[in-house]
Amino acid sequence: MNRRNFLKVVGLGAMTFYLSGCGLAATENKKESEASAQSSVSEGKPMKIVVINSSPHSEEQSTSRYLAQRFVDGAKNAGHEIFVFDAANEETHPCKGCDHCGMDGDCIFNDAIQTKLMPKMLEADLLVLVTPLYYFGMSAQLKTIVDRFYSRTTKLGGKKSMMIATAWNTADWTMEALKNHYETLVRYMSWQDVGQVWATGCGTRSMVERSEFGDTAFKIGAAL
């Protein structure tokens, strides 16, 4: 098999998918052992999940928003509580590095991150970062949110996390930089990664809707 055509999508101790472009090449197996592993993510209890959308495109056009919604549908079916934040259309400000917050206090900006998102993130069990791939990294809208983690670095630590990203490119290195960034963030924040969806070859809404990535996002949500 040509490595160029395959990406791995994983859920914590649960399902593993090998995806070819926008098609599913191999599906989950070992149902019984997976079911046992999946229950360890939420330990059978409803979780509070925050989904951060960052695409500037509309719900009808965006590829990443589509996958986020499929994940949300799966997670709701599993009984989890979902809060969705629209980073592209809320009032947000980038971190100034002023240290007004002291890494554990209110930000100098009393914007939507401070008043709407941060309280939800602090009480959340799982944070889901959703982005289109722009110049091989996350969108500026999502990076703004990530930089503002600074104000509550310690209290945002130790949570579960997930990454969903879409891109037009299909080369094997397309998501490499973003994947490294996300995994470094997971390490720094002492997060527990529960899933990664790297949807290459999905440059338009029709392309992602025809792919198996939507079903993958749904299954990860439903398996929590």
N, C-alpha and C. Protein backbone atom coordinates (compact mmCIF):
# COMPACT_ATOMS: atom_id res chain seq x y z
N MET A 1 0.84 -1.20 0.00
CA MET A 1 0.00 0.00 0.00
C MET A 1 0.87 1.25 0.00
N ASN A 2 0.46 2.23 -0.74
CA ASN A 2 1.18 3.49 -0.81
C ASN A 2 0.85 4.34 0.40
N ARG A 3 1.86 4.66 1.22
CA ARG A 3 1.63 5.44 2.44
C ARG A 3 0.98 6.78 2.13
N ARG A 4 1.22 7.30 0.93
CA ARG A 4 0.65 8.58 0.53
C ARG A 4 -0.88 8.56 0.63
N ASN A 5 -1.49 7.41 0.42
CA ASN A 5 -2.94 7.34 0.33
C ASN A 5 -3.63 7.02 1.65
N PHE A 6 -2.86 6.83 2.70
CA PHE A 6 -3.48 6.38 3.93
C PHE A 6 -3.15 7.27 5.12
N LEU A 7 -4.18 7.54 5.90
CA LEU A 7 -4.03 8.27 7.15
C LEU A 7 -4.70 7.44 8.23
N LYS A 8 -4.27 7.62 9.42
CA LYS A 8 -4.83 6.87 10.53
C LYS A 8 -5.70 7.78 11.38
N VAL A 9 -6.88 7.30 11.69
CA VAL A 9 -7.79 8.03 12.55
C VAL A 9 -8.02 7.17 13.77
N VAL A 10 -7.76 7.72 14.96
CA VAL A 10 -7.84 6.89 16.15
C VAL A 10 -8.77 7.47 17.19
N GLY A 11 -9.38 6.60 17.94
CA GLY A 11 -10.14 6.97 19.13
C GLY A 11 -9.46 6.28 20.30
N LEU A 12 -9.42 6.92 21.45
CA LEU A 12 -8.70 6.42 22.60
C LEU A 12 -9.11 5.00 22.93
N GLY A 13 -8.18 4.07 22.80
CA GLY A 13 -8.42 2.69 23.17
C GLY A 13 -9.64 2.10 22.50
N ALA A 14 -10.06 2.69 21.40
CA ALA A 14 -11.31 2.28 20.81
C ALA A 14 -11.12 1.92 19.35
N MET A 15 -11.78 2.64 18.47
CA MET A 15 -11.76 2.28 17.07
C MET A 15 -10.54 2.82 16.36
N THR A 16 -10.03 2.03 15.44
CA THR A 16 -8.95 2.51 14.59
C THR A 16 -9.39 2.35 13.14
N PHE A 17 -9.27 3.41 12.36
CA PHE A 17 -9.69 3.41 10.98
C PHE A 17 -8.50 3.75 10.10
N TYR A 18 -8.40 3.10 8.96
CA TYR A 18 -7.41 3.49 7.97
C TYR A 18 -8.16 4.02 6.77
N LEU A 19 -7.91 5.29 6.46
CA LEU A 19 -8.68 5.97 5.44
C LEU A 19 -7.83 6.27 4.21
N SER A 20 -8.42 6.01 3.07
CA SER A 20 -7.74 6.27 1.82
C SER A 20 -8.38 7.48 1.16
N GLY A 21 -7.66 8.61 1.17
CA GLY A 21 -8.24 9.84 0.64
C GLY A 21 -9.52 10.14 1.37
N CYS A 22 -10.64 10.05 0.66
CA CYS A 22 -11.94 10.22 1.31
C CYS A 22 -12.71 8.92 1.34
N GLY A 23 -12.01 7.78 1.34
CA GLY A 23 -12.71 6.50 1.39
C GLY A 23 -12.20 5.63 2.49
N LEU A 24 -13.07 4.79 3.04
CA LEU A 24 -12.69 3.90 4.11
C LEU A 24 -12.08 2.64 3.53
N ALA A 25 -10.83 2.36 3.89
CA ALA A 25 -10.15 1.20 3.34
C ALA A 25 -10.31 -0.02 4.23
N ALA A 26 -10.38 0.20 5.54
CA ALA A 26 -10.57 -0.91 6.46
C ALA A 26 -11.39 -0.42 7.63
N THR A 27 -12.37 -1.21 8.05
CA THR A 27 -13.25 -0.78 9.12
C THR A 27 -12.86 -1.42 10.43
N GLU A 28 -13.61 -1.04 11.47
CA GLU A 28 -13.28 -1.52 12.80
C GLU A 28 -13.48 -3.02 12.90
N ASN A 29 -12.73 -3.63 13.82
CA ASN A 29 -12.90 -5.04 14.09
C ASN A 29 -12.83 -5.26 15.59
N LYS A 30 -12.84 -6.54 16.00
CA LYS A 30 -12.77 -6.90 17.41
C LYS A 30 -13.82 -6.13 18.22
N LYS A 31 -15.06 -6.31 17.82
CA LYS A 31 -16.15 -5.53 18.41
C LYS A 31 -16.21 -5.61 19.92
N GLU A 32 -16.07 -6.80 20.47
CA GLU A 32 -16.25 -6.96 21.90
C GLU A 32 -15.15 -6.25 22.69
N SER A 33 -13.90 -6.40 22.25
CA SER A 33 -12.80 -5.75 22.97
C SER A 33 -12.88 -4.25 22.82
N GLU A 34 -13.33 -3.78 21.64
CA GLU A 34 -13.47 -2.35 21.43
C GLU A 34 -14.54 -1.76 22.32
N ALA A 35 -15.67 -2.46 22.46
CA ALA A 35 -16.76 -1.95 23.29
C ALA A 35 -16.29 -1.75 24.72
N SER A 36 -15.49 -2.67 25.19
CA SER A 36 -14.95 -2.55 26.54
C SER A 36 -14.03 -1.36 26.66
N ALA A 37 -13.16 -1.16 25.64
CA ALA A 37 -12.21 -0.05 25.66
C ALA A 37 -12.93 1.28 25.55
N GLN A 38 -13.98 1.32 24.70
CA GLN A 38 -14.70 2.57 24.49
C GLN A 38 -15.34 3.07 25.79
N SER A 39 -15.83 2.15 26.60
CA SER A 39 -16.49 2.56 27.83
C SER A 39 -15.55 3.26 28.79
N SER A 40 -14.23 3.06 28.61
CA SER A 40 -13.26 3.68 29.50
C SER A 40 -13.12 5.18 29.24
N VAL A 41 -13.54 5.65 28.08
CA VAL A 41 -13.42 7.08 27.77
C VAL A 41 -14.30 7.90 28.69
N SER A 42 -15.56 7.56 28.78
CA SER A 42 -16.50 8.29 29.64
C SER A 42 -16.84 7.53 30.91
N GLU A 43 -16.34 6.30 31.01
CA GLU A 43 -16.65 5.44 32.15
C GLU A 43 -18.16 5.29 32.32
N GLY A 44 -18.86 5.32 31.19
CA GLY A 44 -20.30 5.11 31.21
C GLY A 44 -21.10 6.28 31.74
N LYS A 45 -20.47 7.42 31.94
CA LYS A 45 -21.15 8.59 32.48
C LYS A 45 -21.25 9.69 31.42
N PRO A 46 -22.32 10.49 31.44
CA PRO A 46 -22.42 11.61 30.50
C PRO A 46 -21.27 12.60 30.69
N MET A 47 -20.68 13.04 29.60
CA MET A 47 -19.60 14.01 29.66
C MET A 47 -20.07 15.37 29.18
N LYS A 48 -19.38 16.41 29.64
CA LYS A 48 -19.58 17.75 29.12
C LYS A 48 -18.52 17.97 28.04
N ILE A 49 -18.97 18.25 26.83
CA ILE A 49 -18.08 18.36 25.68
C ILE A 49 -18.19 19.74 25.06
N VAL A 50 -17.06 20.39 24.85
CA VAL A 50 -17.01 21.67 24.16
C VAL A 50 -16.40 21.47 22.78
N VAL A 51 -17.14 21.86 21.75
CA VAL A 51 -16.68 21.77 20.37
C VAL A 51 -16.38 23.18 19.87
N ILE A 52 -15.15 23.42 19.42
CA ILE A 52 -14.76 24.75 18.95
C ILE A 52 -14.62 24.71 17.43
N ASN A 53 -15.62 25.25 16.75
CA ASN A 53 -15.56 25.39 15.30
C ASN A 53 -14.76 26.64 14.95
N SER A 54 -13.97 26.56 13.87
CA SER A 54 -13.17 27.74 13.53
C SER A 54 -13.16 28.08 12.05
N SER A 55 -14.00 27.42 11.28
CA SER A 55 -14.07 27.74 9.86
C SER A 55 -14.84 29.03 9.63
N PRO A 56 -14.34 29.91 8.76
CA PRO A 56 -15.07 31.13 8.45
C PRO A 56 -16.21 30.91 7.46
N HIS A 57 -16.33 29.69 6.97
CA HIS A 57 -17.40 29.39 6.01
C HIS A 57 -18.70 29.02 6.74
N SER A 58 -19.78 29.07 6.02
CA SER A 58 -21.10 28.82 6.60
C SER A 58 -21.28 27.34 6.93
N GLU A 59 -22.32 27.06 7.70
CA GLU A 59 -22.65 25.68 8.04
C GLU A 59 -22.92 24.87 6.78
N GLU A 60 -23.49 25.51 5.77
CA GLU A 60 -23.83 24.81 4.52
C GLU A 60 -22.62 24.55 3.64
N GLN A 61 -21.56 25.35 3.78
CA GLN A 61 -20.40 25.24 2.91
C GLN A 61 -19.20 24.56 3.56
N SER A 62 -19.05 24.71 4.83
CA SER A 62 -17.83 24.29 5.51
C SER A 62 -17.68 22.78 5.58
N THR A 63 -16.48 22.31 5.28
CA THR A 63 -16.18 20.88 5.39
C THR A 63 -15.92 20.48 6.84
N SER A 64 -15.21 21.32 7.58
CA SER A 64 -14.90 20.98 8.97
C SER A 64 -16.13 21.07 9.86
N ARG A 65 -17.00 22.03 9.59
CA ARG A 65 -18.24 22.13 10.37
C ARG A 65 -19.11 20.90 10.15
N TYR A 66 -19.08 20.38 8.94
CA TYR A 66 -19.86 19.17 8.65
C TYR A 66 -19.38 18.01 9.51
N LEU A 67 -18.06 17.81 9.58
CA LEU A 67 -17.54 16.72 10.39
C LEU A 67 -17.81 16.96 11.87
N ALA A 68 -17.70 18.21 12.30
CA ALA A 68 -18.00 18.53 13.70
C ALA A 68 -19.44 18.18 14.04
N GLN A 69 -20.36 18.48 13.13
CA GLN A 69 -21.76 18.17 13.39
C GLN A 69 -22.01 16.68 13.44
N ARG A 70 -21.32 15.92 12.59
CA ARG A 70 -21.47 14.47 12.63
C ARG A 70 -20.97 13.93 13.97
N PHE A 71 -19.86 14.48 14.46
CA PHE A 71 -19.36 14.08 15.78
C PHE A 71 -20.38 14.42 16.85
N VAL A 72 -20.92 15.63 16.80
CA VAL A 72 -21.91 16.08 17.78
C VAL A 72 -23.12 15.16 17.78
N ASP A 73 -23.58 14.78 16.59
CA ASP A 73 -24.74 13.88 16.49
C ASP A 73 -24.46 12.56 17.20
N GLY A 74 -23.26 12.02 16.97
CA GLY A 74 -22.90 10.77 17.62
C GLY A 74 -22.80 10.90 19.12
N ALA A 75 -22.18 11.99 19.58
CA ALA A 75 -22.01 12.20 21.01
C ALA A 75 -23.35 12.45 21.71
N LYS A 76 -24.25 13.18 21.05
CA LYS A 76 -25.58 13.39 21.63
C LYS A 76 -26.34 12.09 21.74
N ASN A 77 -26.19 11.25 20.73
CA ASN A 77 -26.85 9.95 20.77
C ASN A 77 -26.35 9.10 21.93
N ALA A 78 -25.11 9.35 22.33
CA ALA A 78 -24.52 8.62 23.45
C ALA A 78 -24.85 9.26 24.79
N GLY A 79 -25.61 10.36 24.77
CA GLY A 79 -26.08 10.98 26.00
C GLY A 79 -25.18 12.06 26.58
N HIS A 80 -24.22 12.56 25.78
CA HIS A 80 -23.31 13.58 26.29
C HIS A 80 -23.86 14.99 26.07
N GLU A 81 -23.45 15.92 26.90
CA GLU A 81 -23.88 17.32 26.82
C GLU A 81 -22.88 18.10 25.96
N ILE A 82 -23.39 18.82 24.96
CA ILE A 82 -22.52 19.49 23.99
C ILE A 82 -22.71 21.00 24.02
N PHE A 83 -21.59 21.72 24.02
CA PHE A 83 -21.60 23.17 23.81
C PHE A 83 -20.72 23.46 22.61
N VAL A 84 -21.27 24.15 21.61
CA VAL A 84 -20.52 24.48 20.39
C VAL A 84 -20.21 25.97 20.36
N PHE A 85 -18.95 26.30 20.15
CA PHE A 85 -18.52 27.69 20.08
C PHE A 85 -18.05 27.99 18.66
N ASP A 86 -18.57 29.08 18.10
CA ASP A 86 -18.24 29.48 16.73
C ASP A 86 -17.14 30.54 16.75
N ALA A 87 -15.90 30.10 16.73
CA ALA A 87 -14.77 31.02 16.87
C ALA A 87 -14.67 32.03 15.74
N ALA A 88 -15.21 31.69 14.58
CA ALA A 88 -15.09 32.58 13.42
C ALA A 88 -16.10 33.72 13.44
N ASN A 89 -17.16 33.58 14.22
CA ASN A 89 -18.21 34.59 14.17
C ASN A 89 -18.54 35.21 15.53
N GLU A 90 -17.77 34.89 16.53
CA GLU A 90 -17.90 35.54 17.83
C GLU A 90 -16.85 36.64 17.95
N GLU A 91 -17.07 37.54 18.89
CA GLU A 91 -16.08 38.60 19.14
C GLU A 91 -14.92 38.00 19.94
N THR A 92 -13.76 37.95 19.35
CA THR A 92 -12.58 37.40 20.03
C THR A 92 -11.38 38.31 19.81
N HIS A 93 -10.41 38.19 20.69
CA HIS A 93 -9.17 38.96 20.57
C HIS A 93 -7.98 38.04 20.79
N PRO A 94 -6.89 38.26 20.07
CA PRO A 94 -5.69 37.45 20.30
C PRO A 94 -5.00 37.83 21.61
N CYS A 95 -4.33 36.86 22.20
CA CYS A 95 -3.58 37.11 23.43
C CYS A 95 -2.54 38.21 23.20
N LYS A 96 -2.45 39.16 24.14
CA LYS A 96 -1.46 40.25 24.05
C LYS A 96 -0.14 39.90 24.75
N GLY A 97 -0.15 38.80 25.48
CA GLY A 97 1.06 38.46 26.24
C GLY A 97 1.32 39.44 27.37
N CYS A 98 0.27 40.10 27.87
CA CYS A 98 0.43 41.14 28.89
C CYS A 98 0.54 40.57 30.30
N ASP A 99 0.15 39.31 30.45
CA ASP A 99 0.19 38.60 31.73
C ASP A 99 -0.77 39.19 32.77
N HIS A 100 -1.77 39.93 32.30
CA HIS A 100 -2.80 40.44 33.21
C HIS A 100 -3.48 39.30 33.96
N CYS A 101 -3.63 38.16 33.29
CA CYS A 101 -4.32 37.01 33.87
C CYS A 101 -3.45 36.24 34.86
N GLY A 102 -2.14 36.38 34.75
CA GLY A 102 -1.24 35.63 35.60
C GLY A 102 -1.34 34.13 35.40
N MET A 103 -1.81 33.70 34.24
CA MET A 103 -2.01 32.30 33.86
C MET A 103 -3.12 31.63 34.67
N ASP A 104 -3.84 32.38 35.50
CA ASP A 104 -4.92 31.79 36.27
C ASP A 104 -5.91 32.86 36.71
N GLY A 105 -6.40 33.60 35.72
CA GLY A 105 -7.34 34.66 36.05
C GLY A 105 -8.03 35.18 34.80
N ASP A 106 -8.83 36.21 34.98
CA ASP A 106 -9.57 36.78 33.87
C ASP A 106 -8.63 37.45 32.88
N CYS A 107 -8.98 37.31 31.61
CA CYS A 107 -8.23 37.98 30.54
C CYS A 107 -8.57 39.46 30.55
N ILE A 108 -7.66 40.27 30.05
CA ILE A 108 -7.91 41.71 29.94
C ILE A 108 -9.04 42.00 28.96
N PHE A 109 -9.28 41.06 28.02
CA PHE A 109 -10.37 41.22 27.05
C PHE A 109 -11.63 40.55 27.60
N ASN A 110 -12.67 41.29 27.75
CA ASN A 110 -13.95 40.75 28.21
C ASN A 110 -14.81 40.39 27.00
N ASP A 111 -14.27 39.50 26.18
CA ASP A 111 -14.92 39.15 24.92
C ASP A 111 -15.63 37.80 25.05
N ALA A 112 -16.02 37.23 23.91
CA ALA A 112 -16.77 35.97 23.94
C ALA A 112 -15.94 34.80 24.47
N ILE A 113 -14.63 34.85 24.27
CA ILE A 113 -13.79 33.80 24.84
C ILE A 113 -13.88 33.84 26.36
N GLN A 114 -13.79 35.02 26.90
CA GLN A 114 -13.81 35.21 28.36
C GLN A 114 -15.17 34.91 28.96
N THR A 115 -16.23 35.39 28.32
CA THR A 115 -17.56 35.31 28.94
C THR A 115 -18.35 34.07 28.55
N LYS A 116 -18.17 33.57 27.33
CA LYS A 116 -18.96 32.43 26.85
C LYS A 116 -18.18 31.12 26.84
N LEU A 117 -16.98 31.17 26.26
CA LEU A 117 -16.24 29.92 26.03
C LEU A 117 -15.48 29.44 27.25
N MET A 118 -14.75 30.32 27.89
CA MET A 118 -13.88 29.88 28.99
C MET A 118 -14.65 29.18 30.12
N PRO A 119 -15.78 29.72 30.56
CA PRO A 119 -16.51 29.01 31.62
C PRO A 119 -16.90 27.59 31.22
N LYS A 120 -17.29 27.41 29.95
CA LYS A 120 -17.66 26.09 29.46
C LYS A 120 -16.45 25.17 29.37
N MET A 121 -15.31 25.71 28.92
CA MET A 121 -14.11 24.90 28.83
C MET A 121 -13.63 24.45 30.20
N LEU A 122 -13.73 25.32 31.17
CA LEU A 122 -13.25 24.99 32.51
C LEU A 122 -14.02 23.83 33.13
N GLU A 123 -15.31 23.74 32.81
CA GLU A 123 -16.12 22.66 33.38
C GLU A 123 -16.21 21.44 32.46
N ALA A 124 -15.64 21.54 31.27
CA ALA A 124 -15.75 20.47 30.28
C ALA A 124 -14.86 19.27 30.63
N ASP A 125 -15.32 18.10 30.19
CA ASP A 125 -14.51 16.89 30.28
C ASP A 125 -13.69 16.70 29.01
N LEU A 126 -14.24 17.15 27.88
CA LEU A 126 -13.61 16.94 26.57
C LEU A 126 -13.66 18.22 25.75
N LEU A 127 -12.51 18.59 25.18
CA LEU A 127 -12.41 19.73 24.27
C LEU A 127 -12.15 19.20 22.86
N VAL A 128 -12.96 19.64 21.90
CA VAL A 128 -12.83 19.20 20.51
C VAL A 128 -12.43 20.40 19.65
N LEU A 129 -11.24 20.34 19.09
CA LEU A 129 -10.73 21.42 18.24
C LEU A 129 -11.03 21.08 16.79
N VAL A 130 -11.68 22.01 16.08
CA VAL A 130 -12.12 21.75 14.71
C VAL A 130 -11.61 22.86 13.80
N THR A 131 -10.94 22.48 12.70
CA THR A 131 -10.36 23.50 11.83
C THR A 131 -10.21 23.01 10.40
N PRO A 132 -10.33 23.93 9.44
CA PRO A 132 -9.83 23.64 8.10
C PRO A 132 -8.31 23.82 8.13
N LEU A 133 -7.62 23.18 7.23
CA LEU A 133 -6.17 23.33 7.14
C LEU A 133 -5.84 24.56 6.29
N TYR A 134 -5.19 25.55 6.87
CA TYR A 134 -4.77 26.75 6.14
C TYR A 134 -3.25 26.86 6.21
N TYR A 135 -2.62 26.76 5.06
CA TYR A 135 -1.16 26.82 4.98
C TYR A 135 -0.51 25.88 5.99
N PHE A 136 -1.10 24.67 6.05
CA PHE A 136 -0.54 23.55 6.80
C PHE A 136 -0.58 23.73 8.31
N GLY A 137 -1.46 24.62 8.77
CA GLY A 137 -1.68 24.78 10.20
C GLY A 137 -3.15 25.01 10.47
N MET A 138 -3.48 25.23 11.74
CA MET A 138 -4.87 25.52 12.10
C MET A 138 -5.25 26.92 11.64
N SER A 139 -6.53 27.17 11.55
CA SER A 139 -7.01 28.49 11.16
C SER A 139 -6.60 29.53 12.20
N ALA A 140 -6.54 30.79 11.77
CA ALA A 140 -6.22 31.88 12.70
C ALA A 140 -7.26 31.98 13.80
N GLN A 141 -8.50 31.63 13.45
CA GLN A 141 -9.58 31.71 14.43
C GLN A 141 -9.36 30.70 15.57
N LEU A 142 -8.93 29.50 15.22
CA LEU A 142 -8.67 28.51 16.26
C LEU A 142 -7.40 28.84 17.03
N LYS A 143 -6.38 29.32 16.33
CA LYS A 143 -5.13 29.67 17.01
C LYS A 143 -5.37 30.78 18.04
N THR A 144 -6.29 31.68 17.75
CA THR A 144 -6.65 32.73 18.72
C THR A 144 -7.17 32.11 20.01
N ILE A 145 -8.02 31.10 19.87
CA ILE A 145 -8.56 30.42 21.05
C ILE A 145 -7.44 29.71 21.81
N VAL A 146 -6.62 28.98 21.08
CA VAL A 146 -5.55 28.20 21.71
C VAL A 146 -4.61 29.12 22.48
N ASP A 147 -4.24 30.26 21.90
CA ASP A 147 -3.35 31.19 22.60
C ASP A 147 -3.98 31.72 23.88
N ARG A 148 -5.28 31.85 23.89
CA ARG A 148 -5.97 32.35 25.08
C ARG A 148 -6.11 31.28 26.17
N PHE A 149 -5.72 30.03 25.88
CA PHE A 149 -5.64 29.02 26.94
C PHE A 149 -4.72 29.51 28.06
N TYR A 150 -3.81 30.39 27.69
CA TYR A 150 -2.79 30.87 28.64
C TYR A 150 -3.41 31.37 29.95
N SER A 151 -4.56 32.00 29.85
CA SER A 151 -5.16 32.61 31.04
C SER A 151 -5.63 31.58 32.07
N ARG A 152 -5.78 30.32 31.62
CA ARG A 152 -6.22 29.27 32.55
C ARG A 152 -5.44 27.98 32.29
N THR A 153 -4.17 28.12 32.04
CA THR A 153 -3.36 26.98 31.60
C THR A 153 -3.52 25.76 32.51
N THR A 154 -3.33 25.94 33.79
CA THR A 154 -3.37 24.80 34.72
C THR A 154 -4.76 24.20 34.81
N LYS A 155 -5.78 25.04 34.90
CA LYS A 155 -7.14 24.54 35.07
C LYS A 155 -7.71 23.91 33.81
N LEU A 156 -7.13 24.22 32.66
CA LEU A 156 -7.54 23.57 31.42
C LEU A 156 -6.76 22.28 31.18
N GLY A 157 -5.79 22.03 32.02
CA GLY A 157 -4.98 20.83 31.88
C GLY A 157 -5.70 19.59 32.34
N GLY A 158 -5.21 18.44 31.89
CA GLY A 158 -5.73 17.16 32.35
C GLY A 158 -7.06 16.75 31.76
N LYS A 159 -7.55 17.46 30.76
CA LYS A 159 -8.82 17.11 30.15
C LYS A 159 -8.63 16.12 29.01
N LYS A 160 -9.73 15.63 28.47
CA LYS A 160 -9.68 14.83 27.27
C LYS A 160 -9.76 15.77 26.07
N SER A 161 -9.24 15.34 24.93
CA SER A 161 -9.24 16.22 23.75
C SER A 161 -9.41 15.41 22.48
N MET A 162 -9.79 16.14 21.42
CA MET A 162 -9.96 15.53 20.10
C MET A 162 -9.65 16.59 19.05
N MET A 163 -9.19 16.15 17.89
CA MET A 163 -8.89 17.07 16.79
C MET A 163 -9.61 16.61 15.53
N ILE A 164 -10.26 17.54 14.86
CA ILE A 164 -10.91 17.30 13.57
C ILE A 164 -10.41 18.34 12.59
N ALA A 165 -9.87 17.90 11.47
CA ALA A 165 -9.35 18.85 10.47
C ALA A 165 -9.65 18.35 9.06
N THR A 166 -9.87 19.30 8.16
CA THR A 166 -10.12 18.97 6.76
C THR A 166 -9.14 19.71 5.86
N ALA A 167 -8.83 19.11 4.72
CA ALA A 167 -7.90 19.72 3.77
C ALA A 167 -8.22 19.25 2.36
N TRP A 168 -7.84 20.05 1.40
CA TRP A 168 -7.99 19.67 0.00
C TRP A 168 -6.88 18.71 -0.41
N ASN A 169 -5.68 18.99 0.02
CA ASN A 169 -4.52 18.17 -0.36
C ASN A 169 -4.67 16.72 0.08
N THR A 170 -3.98 15.83 -0.63
CA THR A 170 -3.99 14.41 -0.28
C THR A 170 -2.60 13.84 -0.06
N ALA A 171 -1.55 14.67 -0.18
CA ALA A 171 -0.18 14.18 0.02
C ALA A 171 -0.01 13.66 1.44
N ASP A 172 0.91 12.71 1.62
CA ASP A 172 1.08 12.08 2.92
C ASP A 172 1.52 13.07 4.00
N TRP A 173 2.12 14.20 3.59
CA TRP A 173 2.61 15.18 4.56
C TRP A 173 1.63 16.32 4.81
N THR A 174 0.46 16.27 4.19
CA THR A 174 -0.50 17.38 4.26
C THR A 174 -0.80 17.81 5.69
N MET A 175 -1.09 16.87 6.56
CA MET A 175 -1.50 17.18 7.94
C MET A 175 -0.35 17.08 8.94
N GLU A 176 0.85 16.84 8.46
CA GLU A 176 1.97 16.54 9.35
C GLU A 176 2.25 17.64 10.37
N ALA A 177 2.34 18.89 9.92
CA ALA A 177 2.65 19.99 10.83
C ALA A 177 1.53 20.22 11.84
N LEU A 178 0.28 20.16 11.38
CA LEU A 178 -0.86 20.36 12.27
C LEU A 178 -0.95 19.22 13.29
N LYS A 179 -0.72 18.01 12.83
CA LYS A 179 -0.75 16.86 13.73
C LYS A 179 0.32 16.99 14.81
N ASN A 180 1.52 17.41 14.42
CA ASN A 180 2.59 17.61 15.39
C ASN A 180 2.23 18.70 16.40
N HIS A 181 1.62 19.78 15.90
CA HIS A 181 1.20 20.87 16.77
C HIS A 181 0.18 20.37 17.79
N TYR A 182 -0.83 19.68 17.29
CA TYR A 182 -1.87 19.17 18.19
C TYR A 182 -1.28 18.22 19.24
N GLU A 183 -0.44 17.30 18.82
CA GLU A 183 0.10 16.33 19.76
C GLU A 183 1.06 16.97 20.76
N THR A 184 1.73 18.04 20.35
CA THR A 184 2.55 18.80 21.30
C THR A 184 1.68 19.51 22.32
N LEU A 185 0.56 20.07 21.85
CA LEU A 185 -0.40 20.73 22.74
C LEU A 185 -0.96 19.73 23.75
N VAL A 186 -1.30 18.54 23.27
CA VAL A 186 -1.80 17.48 24.15
C VAL A 186 -0.77 17.16 25.25
N ARG A 187 0.47 17.07 24.83
CA ARG A 187 1.54 16.76 25.79
C ARG A 187 1.72 17.88 26.81
N TYR A 188 1.73 19.11 26.34
CA TYR A 188 1.95 20.26 27.23
C TYR A 188 0.80 20.43 28.22
N MET A 189 -0.42 20.23 27.73
CA MET A 189 -1.60 20.44 28.57
C MET A 189 -1.96 19.20 29.39
N SER A 190 -1.20 18.14 29.23
CA SER A 190 -1.49 16.87 29.91
C SER A 190 -2.90 16.39 29.59
N TRP A 191 -3.28 16.55 28.32
CA TRP A 191 -4.58 16.09 27.87
C TRP A 191 -4.51 14.60 27.53
N GLN A 192 -5.67 14.01 27.41
CA GLN A 192 -5.81 12.62 26.99
C GLN A 192 -6.52 12.62 25.64
N ASP A 193 -5.79 12.33 24.60
CA ASP A 193 -6.36 12.34 23.26
C ASP A 193 -7.34 11.19 23.09
N VAL A 194 -8.55 11.51 22.61
CA VAL A 194 -9.55 10.46 22.40
C VAL A 194 -9.90 10.26 20.93
N GLY A 195 -9.31 11.07 20.04
CA GLY A 195 -9.60 10.87 18.63
C GLY A 195 -9.00 11.93 17.75
N GLN A 196 -8.60 11.53 16.55
CA GLN A 196 -8.06 12.45 15.56
C GLN A 196 -8.68 12.10 14.21
N VAL A 197 -9.24 13.09 13.54
CA VAL A 197 -9.79 12.90 12.20
C VAL A 197 -9.05 13.84 11.26
N TRP A 198 -8.23 13.28 10.39
CA TRP A 198 -7.43 14.06 9.44
C TRP A 198 -8.02 13.82 8.05
N ALA A 199 -8.96 14.65 7.66
CA ALA A 199 -9.75 14.43 6.45
C ALA A 199 -9.10 15.10 5.25
N THR A 200 -8.19 14.40 4.60
CA THR A 200 -7.55 14.92 3.39
C THR A 200 -8.43 14.61 2.18
N GLY A 201 -8.16 15.34 1.10
CA GLY A 201 -8.92 15.12 -0.13
C GLY A 201 -10.36 15.56 -0.01
N CYS A 202 -10.64 16.48 0.92
CA CYS A 202 -12.01 16.93 1.16
C CYS A 202 -12.07 18.45 1.06
N GLY A 203 -11.86 18.95 -0.15
CA GLY A 203 -11.77 20.39 -0.35
C GLY A 203 -13.09 21.11 -0.51
N THR A 204 -14.17 20.37 -0.75
CA THR A 204 -15.48 20.98 -0.91
C THR A 204 -16.49 20.23 -0.05
N ARG A 205 -17.64 20.86 0.15
CA ARG A 205 -18.67 20.23 0.98
C ARG A 205 -19.14 18.91 0.35
N SER A 206 -19.32 18.90 -0.96
CA SER A 206 -19.78 17.67 -1.60
C SER A 206 -18.74 16.56 -1.46
N MET A 207 -17.46 16.90 -1.50
CA MET A 207 -16.41 15.90 -1.36
C MET A 207 -16.42 15.27 0.03
N VAL A 208 -16.56 16.09 1.06
CA VAL A 208 -16.53 15.54 2.41
C VAL A 208 -17.82 14.77 2.72
N GLU A 209 -18.93 15.20 2.13
CA GLU A 209 -20.18 14.49 2.36
C GLU A 209 -20.18 13.12 1.69
N ARG A 210 -19.44 12.98 0.60
CA ARG A 210 -19.35 11.69 -0.08
C ARG A 210 -18.34 10.76 0.59
N SER A 211 -17.51 11.31 1.44
CA SER A 211 -16.46 10.53 2.07
C SER A 211 -16.98 9.72 3.25
N GLU A 212 -16.09 8.89 3.79
CA GLU A 212 -16.41 8.13 4.99
C GLU A 212 -16.01 8.86 6.27
N PHE A 213 -15.42 10.06 6.13
CA PHE A 213 -14.97 10.78 7.31
C PHE A 213 -16.12 11.19 8.22
N GLY A 214 -17.28 11.49 7.63
CA GLY A 214 -18.44 11.84 8.44
C GLY A 214 -18.86 10.70 9.33
N ASP A 215 -18.91 9.50 8.77
CA ASP A 215 -19.26 8.33 9.56
C ASP A 215 -18.22 8.07 10.65
N THR A 216 -16.96 8.33 10.32
CA THR A 216 -15.90 8.14 11.31
C THR A 216 -16.09 9.09 12.49
N ALA A 217 -16.36 10.37 12.19
CA ALA A 217 -16.57 11.36 13.25
C ALA A 217 -17.78 10.98 14.10
N PHE A 218 -18.84 10.52 13.45
CA PHE A 218 -20.03 10.10 14.17
C PHE A 218 -19.73 8.93 15.10
N LYS A 219 -18.99 7.95 14.60
CA LYS A 219 -18.68 6.76 15.39
C LYS A 219 -17.81 7.07 16.58
N ILE A 220 -16.86 8.00 16.41
CA ILE A 220 -16.02 8.38 17.55
C ILE A 220 -16.88 9.03 18.63
N GLY A 221 -17.80 9.93 18.20
CA GLY A 221 -18.70 10.57 19.16
C GLY A 221 -19.60 9.57 19.87
N ALA A 222 -20.13 8.63 19.11
CA ALA A 222 -21.04 7.64 19.67
C ALA A 222 -20.34 6.65 20.58
N ALA A 223 -19.01 6.50 20.39
CA ALA A 223 -18.26 5.50 21.16
C ALA A 223 -17.68 6.05 22.46
N LEU A 224 -17.85 7.35 22.70
CA LEU A 224 -17.27 7.93 23.90
C LEU A 224 -17.88 7.35 25.18
